[in-house]
């Protein structure tokens, strides 16, 4: 038996079969339960652990339908519309779920109906499958708790003699709404199928997917890798028919003990060739290595397309080979990202700002709109020649210690940076860079930049932030970048 704290009282949260046989109920105070049965064994509940377990079961139930929602603290709601025929009917699917969950040690109580409300009531009240159109007959003798209404509303209804769903069905609706609210009628109509009730799946529904069931579980990574091109070939025809390519794919591996491993890859350009998809997943498997725990083996693998984009056919030469170098670059970038992560490869994008470190930002390679966009955005600005800007820019700039300045507005004669002292033998500047006029001058003061060369021929780009005598705060010096 599990307990939980409700305000200042320890109450029963869940019961096993032996505790149920003693006529104990959830919500009963633990002190009252111990007064009746001093020898009962009580364990403190862990709501977070229970939640994680329920989420893991919801992931595992994705093998039956992509529309799986978590219902409260102890329930799952599966929309099997259009999926039952894959398991030879609803009854066979229901028995398969029960058998598998029983093998894993779970005591599941299923409910099967044409509406979520009726299925909820059937599961919690122990009803057999409810056929479409027979909801009113099946639910008529059930208590009001089967309608999922507020406990206060249920108590009010019972106080006036309305204790079953059938009594609500026979009563006039207008007085019920005026006295008990519209939620009562809404829940009733949802259970009867008069008002459609949509469920919110826990995971996004893939636009396309292909799966393979195994008569015997597999556990080797090599076997999983060989499955990827087969599943991708099944998706290619659908992608071609829709004129689309995959931008993000996910491989879900379902273990026999309810655990699910999900492996995702992204692409810079839409793809649908099985060999390309297989190469990306091969890179991902190389990184994951032995971190994929097969347990007692996988009995189902599913390759899903999570996002798509319009696919543009590539022009080929007379030999039939593609000549698009941008496509090769995109494939190379995808392989790097598959190994090192989604944000391992970025590209700089220019933006309007006078401050050097704010004149660009890094964008993930996969977010590029097209190869033409990359080409235009990577052009250097026309207002600067390549020799005026360093090849390496420090972001943010690194502070330096200036020990001597020839004149207040001039370059330093000697500076310390990274535990080394550098003597200046040549300098150019200053080049004054002021922030945008609408910005706060205290937050972004004026900068004077100098191109510096030390005694060993190394060239630096330094700047002084602030002006001498302009305020009580002395100007500061920073290292902005390195020239070739």
Protein backbone atom coordinates (compact mmCIF):
# COMPACT_ATOMS: atom_id res chain seq x y z
CA UNK A 1 0.00 0.00 0.00
CA UNK A 2 1.26 3.48 -0.92
CA UNK A 3 0.62 6.68 0.99
CA UNK A 4 0.95 10.38 0.22
CA UNK A 5 0.65 13.59 2.21
CA UNK A 6 -2.52 15.61 1.64
CA UNK A 7 -2.08 18.94 3.41
CA UNK A 8 -1.25 17.83 6.97
CA UNK A 9 -2.69 14.32 6.73
CA UNK A 10 -1.07 11.16 5.47
CA UNK A 11 -3.57 9.33 3.25
CA UNK A 12 -3.71 6.13 1.21
CA UNK A 13 -2.67 6.73 -2.41
CA UNK A 14 -2.79 3.23 -3.91
CA UNK A 15 -3.69 -0.29 -2.82
CA UNK A 16 -2.59 -3.77 -3.72
CA UNK A 17 -4.93 -6.77 -3.91
CA UNK A 18 -4.53 -7.68 -0.24
CA UNK A 19 -5.33 -4.14 0.89
CA UNK A 20 -8.38 -4.01 -1.39
CA UNK A 21 -9.59 -7.26 0.15
CA UNK A 22 -9.58 -5.49 3.53
CA UNK A 23 -12.11 -2.95 2.13
CA UNK A 24 -9.67 -0.06 2.38
CA UNK A 25 -10.11 2.81 -0.07
CA UNK A 26 -7.76 5.42 -1.59
CA UNK A 27 -8.00 8.73 0.25
CA UNK A 28 -8.57 7.13 3.64
CA UNK A 29 -6.42 8.59 6.39
CA UNK A 30 -3.42 6.44 7.24
CA UNK A 31 -4.14 6.74 10.98
CA UNK A 32 -7.64 5.32 10.47
CA UNK A 33 -6.27 2.48 8.35
CA UNK A 34 -3.68 1.57 11.00
CA UNK A 35 -6.34 1.72 13.70
CA UNK A 36 -8.29 -0.96 11.84
CA UNK A 37 -5.33 -3.06 10.73
CA UNK A 38 -2.16 -2.29 12.73
CA UNK A 39 -0.05 -4.77 10.76
CA UNK A 40 -0.53 -3.25 7.29
CA UNK A 41 2.62 -2.44 5.37
CA UNK A 42 2.73 1.14 4.08
CA UNK A 43 5.34 2.64 1.75
CA UNK A 44 5.71 6.35 1.02
CA UNK A 45 4.76 7.10 -2.58
CA UNK A 46 7.07 8.82 -5.09
CA UNK A 47 4.89 10.90 -7.45
CA UNK A 48 7.77 11.89 -9.74
CA UNK A 49 8.90 8.30 -10.17
CA UNK A 50 5.32 7.26 -10.89
CA UNK A 51 5.06 10.00 -13.48
CA UNK A 52 8.25 8.88 -15.21
CA UNK A 53 7.00 5.30 -15.27
CA UNK A 54 3.68 6.39 -16.78
CA UNK A 55 5.51 8.41 -19.44
CA UNK A 56 7.69 5.39 -20.27
CA UNK A 57 4.57 3.26 -20.68
CA UNK A 58 3.05 5.94 -22.90
CA UNK A 59 6.16 5.80 -25.12
CA UNK A 60 5.90 2.04 -25.27
CA UNK A 61 2.21 2.21 -26.26
CA UNK A 62 3.28 4.21 -29.29
CA UNK A 63 3.80 0.79 -30.89
CA UNK A 64 0.01 0.50 -31.18
CA UNK A 65 -0.94 4.03 -32.20
CA UNK A 66 0.81 7.41 -32.46
CA UNK A 67 -2.07 9.05 -30.55
CA UNK A 68 -1.21 8.28 -26.92
CA UNK A 69 -2.17 10.71 -24.17
CA UNK A 70 -1.56 10.62 -20.43
CA UNK A 71 -4.82 10.65 -18.46
CA UNK A 72 -4.40 11.77 -14.87
CA UNK A 73 -1.94 10.07 -12.57
CA UNK A 74 -2.62 6.46 -13.48
CA UNK A 75 -4.20 6.28 -16.93
CA UNK A 76 -3.35 6.24 -20.61
CA UNK A 77 -5.69 7.09 -23.45
CA UNK A 78 -5.02 5.45 -26.83
CA UNK A 79 -6.85 6.44 -29.99
CA UNK A 80 -6.68 3.27 -32.09
CA UNK A 81 -8.89 4.56 -34.90
CA UNK A 82 -7.45 3.18 -38.14
CA UNK A 83 -4.84 1.08 -36.33
CA UNK A 84 -6.83 -1.93 -35.09
CA UNK A 85 -6.74 -3.74 -38.44
CA UNK A 86 -2.95 -3.94 -38.17
CA UNK A 87 -3.45 -6.22 -35.16
CA UNK A 88 -6.34 -8.25 -36.61
CA UNK A 89 -9.06 -6.28 -34.82
CA UNK A 90 -9.75 -4.32 -31.67
CA UNK A 91 -10.19 -7.36 -29.43
CA UNK A 92 -6.88 -8.86 -30.49
CA UNK A 93 -5.13 -5.52 -29.96
CA UNK A 94 -6.69 -5.23 -26.50
CA UNK A 95 -5.59 -8.73 -25.52
CA UNK A 96 -2.09 -8.12 -26.85
CA UNK A 97 -1.72 -5.01 -24.68
CA UNK A 98 -2.97 -6.86 -21.61
CA UNK A 99 -0.67 -9.83 -22.20
CA UNK A 100 2.44 -7.74 -22.72
CA UNK A 101 1.76 -5.51 -19.71
CA UNK A 102 1.06 -8.56 -17.56
CA UNK A 103 4.38 -10.09 -18.58
CA UNK A 104 6.05 -6.88 -17.38
CA UNK A 105 4.30 -7.07 -13.99
CA UNK A 106 1.53 -4.51 -14.53
CA UNK A 107 -2.11 -5.03 -13.59
CA UNK A 108 -3.86 -3.11 -16.37
CA UNK A 109 -7.60 -2.57 -16.61
CA UNK A 110 -8.56 -1.75 -20.19
CA UNK A 111 -11.65 -0.04 -21.51
CA UNK A 112 -12.70 -0.18 -25.14
CA UNK A 113 -15.32 2.16 -26.60
CA UNK A 114 -15.97 4.50 -29.51
CA UNK A 115 -15.59 7.66 -27.36
CA UNK A 116 -12.87 8.64 -24.88
CA UNK A 117 -15.47 9.27 -22.15
CA UNK A 118 -17.07 5.86 -22.51
CA UNK A 119 -13.67 4.15 -22.67
CA UNK A 120 -12.63 5.97 -19.48
CA UNK A 121 -15.76 4.76 -17.70
CA UNK A 122 -15.39 1.22 -19.02
CA UNK A 123 -11.79 0.96 -17.81
CA UNK A 124 -12.50 2.22 -14.30
CA UNK A 125 -15.83 0.51 -13.81
CA UNK A 126 -14.86 -2.85 -15.30
CA UNK A 127 -17.21 -2.84 -18.28
CA UNK A 128 -16.80 -5.08 -21.34
CA UNK A 129 -16.14 -3.39 -24.71
CA UNK A 130 -18.84 -0.82 -25.51
CA UNK A 131 -20.03 -0.87 -29.12
CA UNK A 132 -20.71 2.32 -31.04
CA UNK A 133 -24.26 3.56 -30.45
CA UNK A 134 -24.68 1.57 -27.23
CA UNK A 135 -22.99 4.05 -24.89
CA UNK A 136 -26.22 5.18 -23.20
CA UNK A 137 -27.29 1.60 -22.42
CA UNK A 138 -23.82 0.60 -21.15
CA UNK A 139 -23.36 3.67 -18.93
CA UNK A 140 -26.90 4.03 -17.57
CA UNK A 141 -26.34 1.99 -14.39
CA UNK A 142 -22.92 3.44 -13.58
CA UNK A 143 -22.37 5.95 -10.76
CA UNK A 144 -21.82 9.61 -11.55
CA UNK A 145 -18.08 9.25 -10.93
CA UNK A 146 -17.87 7.56 -14.34
CA UNK A 147 -18.65 10.91 -16.02
CA UNK A 148 -15.36 12.59 -14.96
CA UNK A 149 -17.22 15.48 -13.34
CA UNK A 150 -16.04 17.63 -10.44
CA UNK A 151 -16.43 15.90 -7.04
CA UNK A 152 -18.37 18.88 -5.67
CA UNK A 153 -20.85 18.63 -8.55
CA UNK A 154 -21.19 14.88 -8.02
CA UNK A 155 -21.94 15.33 -4.32
CA UNK A 156 -24.56 17.98 -5.11
CA UNK A 157 -26.25 15.69 -7.62
CA UNK A 158 -26.30 12.78 -5.17
CA UNK A 159 -27.81 15.00 -2.50
CA UNK A 160 -30.94 15.49 -4.66
CA UNK A 161 -31.27 11.80 -5.47
CA UNK A 162 -29.42 11.72 -8.85
CA UNK A 163 -26.92 8.94 -8.29
CA UNK A 164 -26.51 7.21 -11.67
CA UNK A 165 -25.86 8.31 -15.22
CA UNK A 166 -29.25 6.95 -16.20
CA UNK A 167 -30.96 9.39 -13.84
CA UNK A 168 -29.14 12.24 -15.53
CA UNK A 169 -30.22 10.99 -18.96
CA UNK A 170 -33.88 10.96 -17.87
CA UNK A 171 -33.83 14.42 -16.28
CA UNK A 172 -34.55 17.66 -18.20
CA UNK A 173 -31.34 19.34 -19.34
CA UNK A 174 -32.19 23.01 -18.80
CA UNK A 175 -32.67 22.73 -15.00
CA UNK A 176 -29.51 20.64 -14.71
CA UNK A 177 -27.46 23.29 -16.51
CA UNK A 178 -28.90 26.12 -14.44
CA UNK A 179 -28.23 24.39 -11.14
CA UNK A 180 -25.10 22.30 -11.73
CA UNK A 181 -23.36 24.00 -14.64
CA UNK A 182 -22.69 23.22 -18.29
CA UNK A 183 -19.76 20.87 -17.57
CA UNK A 184 -22.16 18.12 -16.49
CA UNK A 185 -23.97 18.07 -19.83
CA UNK A 186 -20.70 18.44 -21.74
CA UNK A 187 -19.20 15.36 -20.07
CA UNK A 188 -22.38 13.43 -20.69
CA UNK A 189 -22.49 14.32 -24.39
CA UNK A 190 -18.79 13.51 -24.78
CA UNK A 191 -19.31 10.05 -23.28
CA UNK A 192 -22.31 9.42 -25.54
CA UNK A 193 -20.54 10.66 -28.69
CA UNK A 194 -22.83 13.65 -29.23
CA UNK A 195 -19.89 16.06 -28.79
CA UNK A 196 -16.53 15.17 -30.27
CA UNK A 197 -13.66 14.97 -27.82
CA UNK A 198 -10.13 15.12 -29.17
CA UNK A 199 -7.16 13.81 -27.24
CA UNK A 200 -3.82 15.58 -27.09
CA UNK A 201 -1.02 13.10 -27.86
CA UNK A 202 2.06 13.28 -25.70
CA UNK A 203 4.42 13.14 -28.70
CA UNK A 204 3.99 14.87 -32.07
CA UNK A 205 2.44 12.69 -34.73
CA UNK A 206 4.79 11.87 -37.61
CA UNK A 207 3.64 12.70 -41.12
CA UNK A 208 5.01 9.40 -42.45
CA UNK A 209 6.36 6.26 -40.83
CA UNK A 210 7.42 2.72 -41.66
CA UNK A 211 7.89 -0.09 -39.16
CA UNK A 212 9.09 -3.67 -38.96
CA UNK A 213 7.99 -6.30 -36.42
CA UNK A 214 10.41 -9.09 -35.55
CA UNK A 215 9.37 -12.66 -34.75
CA UNK A 216 12.44 -12.87 -32.49
CA UNK A 217 13.88 -9.82 -30.69
CA UNK A 218 17.14 -8.39 -32.04
CA UNK A 219 19.83 -6.79 -29.91
CA UNK A 220 22.88 -6.12 -32.11
CA UNK A 221 23.51 -2.63 -33.42
CA UNK A 222 24.58 -4.08 -36.77
CA UNK A 223 21.14 -5.62 -37.23
CA UNK A 224 19.48 -2.30 -36.46
CA UNK A 225 21.73 -0.50 -38.96
CA UNK A 226 20.72 -2.92 -41.71
CA UNK A 227 17.08 -2.15 -41.03
CA UNK A 228 17.39 1.59 -41.67
CA UNK A 229 17.76 1.46 -45.49
CA UNK A 230 14.87 -1.02 -45.69
CA UNK A 231 12.57 1.26 -43.71
CA UNK A 232 13.78 4.32 -45.63
CA UNK A 233 12.99 2.57 -48.93
CA UNK A 234 9.42 2.11 -47.71
CA UNK A 235 9.17 5.85 -47.08
CA UNK A 236 10.70 6.93 -50.39
CA UNK A 237 7.65 6.15 -52.51
CA UNK A 238 5.34 8.18 -50.26
CA UNK A 239 7.76 11.10 -50.20
CA UNK A 240 8.04 11.05 -54.00
CA UNK A 241 4.27 11.00 -54.39
CA UNK A 242 3.97 14.05 -52.14
CA UNK A 243 6.89 15.84 -53.80
CA UNK A 244 8.63 16.21 -50.45
CA UNK A 245 11.83 15.21 -48.72
CA UNK A 246 12.57 14.49 -45.08
CA UNK A 247 14.20 17.20 -42.96
CA UNK A 248 14.09 15.34 -39.65
CA UNK A 249 13.81 11.61 -39.04
CA UNK A 250 13.51 9.51 -35.92
CA UNK A 251 14.21 5.82 -35.41
CA UNK A 252 12.24 4.33 -32.52
CA UNK A 253 13.36 0.96 -31.13
CA UNK A 254 10.80 -0.75 -28.89
CA UNK A 255 12.16 -3.18 -26.31
CA UNK A 256 10.21 -6.16 -25.10
CA UNK A 257 10.29 -4.79 -21.53
CA UNK A 258 8.47 -1.51 -22.40
CA UNK A 259 11.57 0.71 -22.80
CA UNK A 260 11.88 2.76 -25.99
CA UNK A 261 15.05 4.16 -27.56
CA UNK A 262 14.61 7.11 -29.92
CA UNK A 263 17.40 8.22 -32.25
CA UNK A 264 16.94 11.38 -34.33
CA UNK A 265 18.88 12.94 -37.19
CA UNK A 266 18.35 16.20 -39.05
CA UNK A 267 19.17 17.21 -42.60
CA UNK A 268 20.18 20.55 -44.10
CA UNK A 269 18.28 19.82 -47.29
CA UNK A 270 15.27 17.58 -47.97
CA UNK A 271 16.34 13.97 -48.59
CA UNK A 272 14.56 10.76 -49.50
CA UNK A 273 17.31 8.47 -50.78
CA UNK A 274 17.62 5.41 -48.50
CA UNK A 275 21.41 5.34 -48.79
CA UNK A 276 21.76 8.95 -47.62
CA UNK A 277 19.42 8.37 -44.70
CA UNK A 278 21.31 5.21 -43.78
CA UNK A 279 24.64 7.07 -43.78
CA UNK A 280 23.30 9.68 -41.36
CA UNK A 281 22.04 7.06 -38.94
CA UNK A 282 25.32 5.16 -39.27
CA UNK A 283 27.14 8.29 -38.07
CA UNK A 284 24.73 8.57 -35.18
CA UNK A 285 25.19 4.93 -34.19
CA UNK A 286 28.97 5.42 -34.27
CA UNK A 287 28.63 8.13 -31.62
CA UNK A 288 26.09 6.33 -29.44
CA UNK A 289 28.05 3.09 -29.46
CA UNK A 290 27.12 0.92 -26.50
CA UNK A 291 24.85 3.55 -24.93
CA UNK A 292 21.85 1.98 -26.69
CA UNK A 293 20.66 -0.57 -24.16
CA UNK A 294 18.92 -3.40 -26.01
CA UNK A 295 17.94 -5.18 -22.79
CA UNK A 296 16.18 -8.40 -23.81
CA UNK A 297 16.03 -7.19 -27.41
CA UNK A 298 13.93 -5.02 -29.70
CA UNK A 299 10.79 -6.51 -31.18
CA UNK A 300 9.70 -3.46 -33.20
CA UNK A 301 11.55 -0.75 -35.14
CA UNK A 302 9.88 2.32 -36.62
CA UNK A 303 11.38 5.01 -38.85
CA UNK A 304 9.28 8.20 -38.79
CA UNK A 305 9.51 11.44 -40.74
CA UNK A 306 8.96 14.21 -38.20
CA UNK A 307 9.23 17.13 -40.62
CA UNK A 308 9.32 17.51 -44.38
CA UNK A 309 10.03 20.18 -46.99
CA UNK A 310 9.47 20.62 -50.70
CA UNK A 311 11.92 18.50 -52.66
CA UNK A 312 13.62 20.00 -55.71
CA UNK A 313 15.11 17.54 -58.18
CA UNK A 314 18.83 17.99 -58.86
CA UNK A 315 20.09 18.45 -62.42
CA UNK A 316 22.46 15.66 -63.49
CA UNK A 317 25.13 15.53 -66.20
CA UNK A 318 25.24 13.16 -69.19
CA UNK A 319 26.79 10.45 -67.06
CA UNK A 320 23.84 10.59 -64.68
CA UNK A 321 25.77 11.99 -61.70
CA UNK A 322 24.77 15.10 -59.82
CA UNK A 323 27.07 18.11 -60.08
CA UNK A 324 25.64 20.13 -57.20
CA UNK A 325 28.54 20.92 -54.85
CA UNK A 326 26.15 22.53 -52.38
CA UNK A 327 24.42 19.18 -51.95
CA UNK A 328 27.75 17.53 -51.09
CA UNK A 329 28.44 20.29 -48.59
CA UNK A 330 25.00 19.81 -47.04
CA UNK A 331 25.57 16.05 -46.72
CA UNK A 332 28.96 16.64 -45.11
CA UNK A 333 27.38 19.07 -42.65
CA UNK A 334 24.63 16.57 -41.83
CA UNK A 335 27.17 13.86 -41.06
CA UNK A 336 29.10 16.22 -38.77
CA UNK A 337 25.91 17.16 -36.94
CA UNK A 338 24.88 13.51 -36.63
CA UNK A 339 28.17 12.75 -34.88
CA UNK A 340 28.69 15.89 -32.80
CA UNK A 341 25.17 17.24 -32.27
CA UNK A 342 22.70 19.61 -33.85
CA UNK A 343 24.66 22.78 -32.99
CA UNK A 344 28.12 21.46 -33.75
CA UNK A 345 28.22 23.20 -37.14
CA UNK A 346 27.18 26.80 -37.56
CA UNK A 347 27.72 29.55 -40.11
CA UNK A 348 28.11 33.31 -39.50
CA UNK A 349 25.34 35.60 -40.68
CA UNK A 350 25.93 39.34 -41.00
CA UNK A 351 23.66 41.89 -39.39
CA UNK A 352 23.68 45.67 -39.17
CA UNK A 353 25.82 46.88 -36.27
CA UNK A 354 28.94 49.01 -35.90
CA UNK A 355 30.22 46.93 -32.97
CA UNK A 356 32.43 44.17 -34.47
CA UNK A 357 31.32 41.30 -32.19
CA UNK A 358 27.67 42.25 -32.73
CA UNK A 359 27.89 42.57 -36.52
CA UNK A 360 27.24 38.85 -36.97
CA UNK A 361 25.63 35.88 -35.27
CA UNK A 362 26.04 32.13 -35.66
CA UNK A 363 23.18 30.23 -37.27
CA UNK A 364 22.79 26.47 -37.26
CA UNK A 365 23.69 25.07 -40.67
CA UNK A 366 20.37 23.24 -40.98
CA UNK A 367 18.45 26.51 -40.67
CA UNK A 368 19.79 27.81 -43.97
CA UNK A 369 16.95 28.53 -46.34
CA UNK A 370 18.85 27.53 -49.49
CA UNK A 371 22.40 27.38 -50.88
CA UNK A 372 21.82 30.75 -52.60
CA UNK A 373 20.98 32.34 -49.27
CA UNK A 374 24.23 31.05 -47.78
CA UNK A 375 26.24 32.47 -50.67
CA UNK A 376 24.71 35.94 -50.37
CA UNK A 377 24.97 36.18 -46.58
CA UNK A 378 28.61 35.07 -46.44
CA UNK A 379 29.90 37.86 -48.69
CA UNK A 380 32.10 40.35 -46.82
CA UNK A 381 30.72 43.89 -46.50
CA UNK A 382 31.89 46.31 -49.18
CA UNK A 383 32.83 49.12 -46.76
CA UNK A 384 35.88 47.26 -45.45
CA UNK A 385 38.82 45.78 -47.30
CA UNK A 386 40.07 42.36 -46.10
CA UNK A 387 43.31 43.87 -44.74
CA UNK A 388 41.48 46.16 -42.30
CA UNK A 389 39.82 43.40 -40.32
CA UNK A 390 41.50 40.50 -38.49
CA UNK A 391 41.06 36.90 -39.57
CA UNK A 392 40.26 35.89 -35.98
CA UNK A 393 37.84 37.82 -33.84
CA UNK A 394 37.51 37.30 -30.09
CA UNK A 395 33.92 37.27 -28.87
CA UNK A 396 33.80 38.75 -26.34
CA UNK A 397 36.94 40.88 -26.49
CA UNK A 398 39.63 39.98 -23.95
CA UNK A 399 40.88 42.62 -21.50
CA UNK A 400 44.56 43.62 -21.64
CA UNK A 401 46.83 45.65 -19.37
CA UNK A 402 48.36 48.74 -20.96
CA UNK A 403 51.43 49.91 -19.06
CA UNK A 404 52.45 52.87 -21.22
CA UNK A 405 50.68 55.21 -23.62
CA UNK A 406 52.55 57.72 -25.75
CA UNK A 407 49.79 60.34 -25.68
CA UNK A 408 46.32 60.13 -24.07
CA UNK A 409 44.61 59.46 -27.39
CA UNK A 410 47.44 57.42 -28.90
CA UNK A 411 48.32 53.72 -29.09
CA UNK A 412 49.98 51.82 -26.26
CA UNK A 413 53.75 51.36 -26.16
CA UNK A 414 53.55 48.16 -24.19
CA UNK A 415 50.69 45.86 -23.17
CA UNK A 416 50.17 42.60 -21.30
CA UNK A 417 47.94 39.86 -22.63
CA UNK A 418 47.63 36.22 -21.55
CA UNK A 419 50.57 36.45 -19.12
CA UNK A 420 52.95 37.88 -21.72
CA UNK A 421 54.23 41.41 -22.26
CA UNK A 422 54.34 42.73 -25.84
CA UNK A 423 56.35 45.76 -26.98
CA UNK A 424 54.78 47.78 -29.78
CA UNK A 425 57.05 48.71 -32.68
CA UNK A 426 54.40 49.80 -35.18
CA UNK A 427 50.81 50.98 -34.97
CA UNK A 428 48.03 52.37 -37.14
CA UNK A 429 45.01 54.27 -35.94
CA UNK A 430 42.94 55.24 -34.22
CA UNK A 431 39.81 54.15 -36.04
CA UNK A 432 36.86 55.37 -34.01
CA UNK A 433 33.80 53.12 -33.90
CA UNK A 434 30.80 54.50 -32.12
CA UNK A 435 27.67 52.53 -31.25
CA UNK A 436 24.34 53.20 -32.91
CA UNK A 437 22.90 56.57 -31.94
CA UNK A 438 19.84 55.06 -30.32
CA UNK A 439 21.85 52.99 -27.88
CA UNK A 440 22.85 54.07 -24.39
CA UNK A 441 26.34 55.59 -24.55
CA UNK A 442 27.11 54.34 -21.01
CA UNK A 443 26.25 50.74 -21.90
CA UNK A 444 28.24 50.91 -25.19
CA UNK A 445 30.90 53.66 -25.02
CA UNK A 446 32.99 54.90 -27.93
CA UNK A 447 35.87 52.69 -29.06
CA UNK A 448 39.20 53.69 -30.65
CA UNK A 449 40.77 50.78 -32.58
CA UNK A 450 44.50 50.35 -33.33
CA UNK A 451 46.32 47.88 -35.55
CA UNK A 452 49.41 46.91 -33.58
CA UNK A 453 52.60 45.00 -34.47
CA UNK A 454 54.98 43.75 -31.76
CA UNK A 455 58.69 43.02 -31.85
CA UNK A 456 58.12 39.49 -33.15
CA UNK A 457 56.02 40.62 -36.11
CA UNK A 458 52.67 39.54 -34.70
CA UNK A 459 49.77 41.85 -35.50
CA UNK A 460 46.85 42.59 -33.21
CA UNK A 461 43.64 44.57 -33.24
CA UNK A 462 43.25 46.50 -29.98
CA UNK A 463 40.78 49.06 -28.86
CA UNK A 464 40.36 51.54 -26.06
CA UNK A 465 36.87 51.75 -24.60
CA UNK A 466 36.05 55.25 -23.38
CA UNK A 467 37.90 58.56 -23.53
CA UNK A 468 40.45 60.01 -21.14
CA UNK A 469 38.97 62.83 -19.06
CA UNK A 470 35.43 62.20 -20.27
CA UNK A 471 34.37 60.66 -16.97
CA UNK A 472 35.73 59.60 -13.61
CA UNK A 473 36.11 56.02 -14.86
CA UNK A 474 39.41 55.39 -16.65
CA UNK A 475 39.28 53.94 -20.17
CA UNK A 476 39.82 50.21 -20.55
CA UNK A 477 41.79 48.34 -23.21
CA UNK A 478 40.78 45.12 -24.94
CA UNK A 479 42.14 42.61 -27.47
CA UNK A 480 39.59 42.29 -30.29
CA UNK A 481 41.35 40.08 -32.84
CA UNK A 482 44.47 38.75 -34.57
CA UNK A 483 45.70 39.52 -38.09
CA UNK A 484 47.47 36.99 -40.31
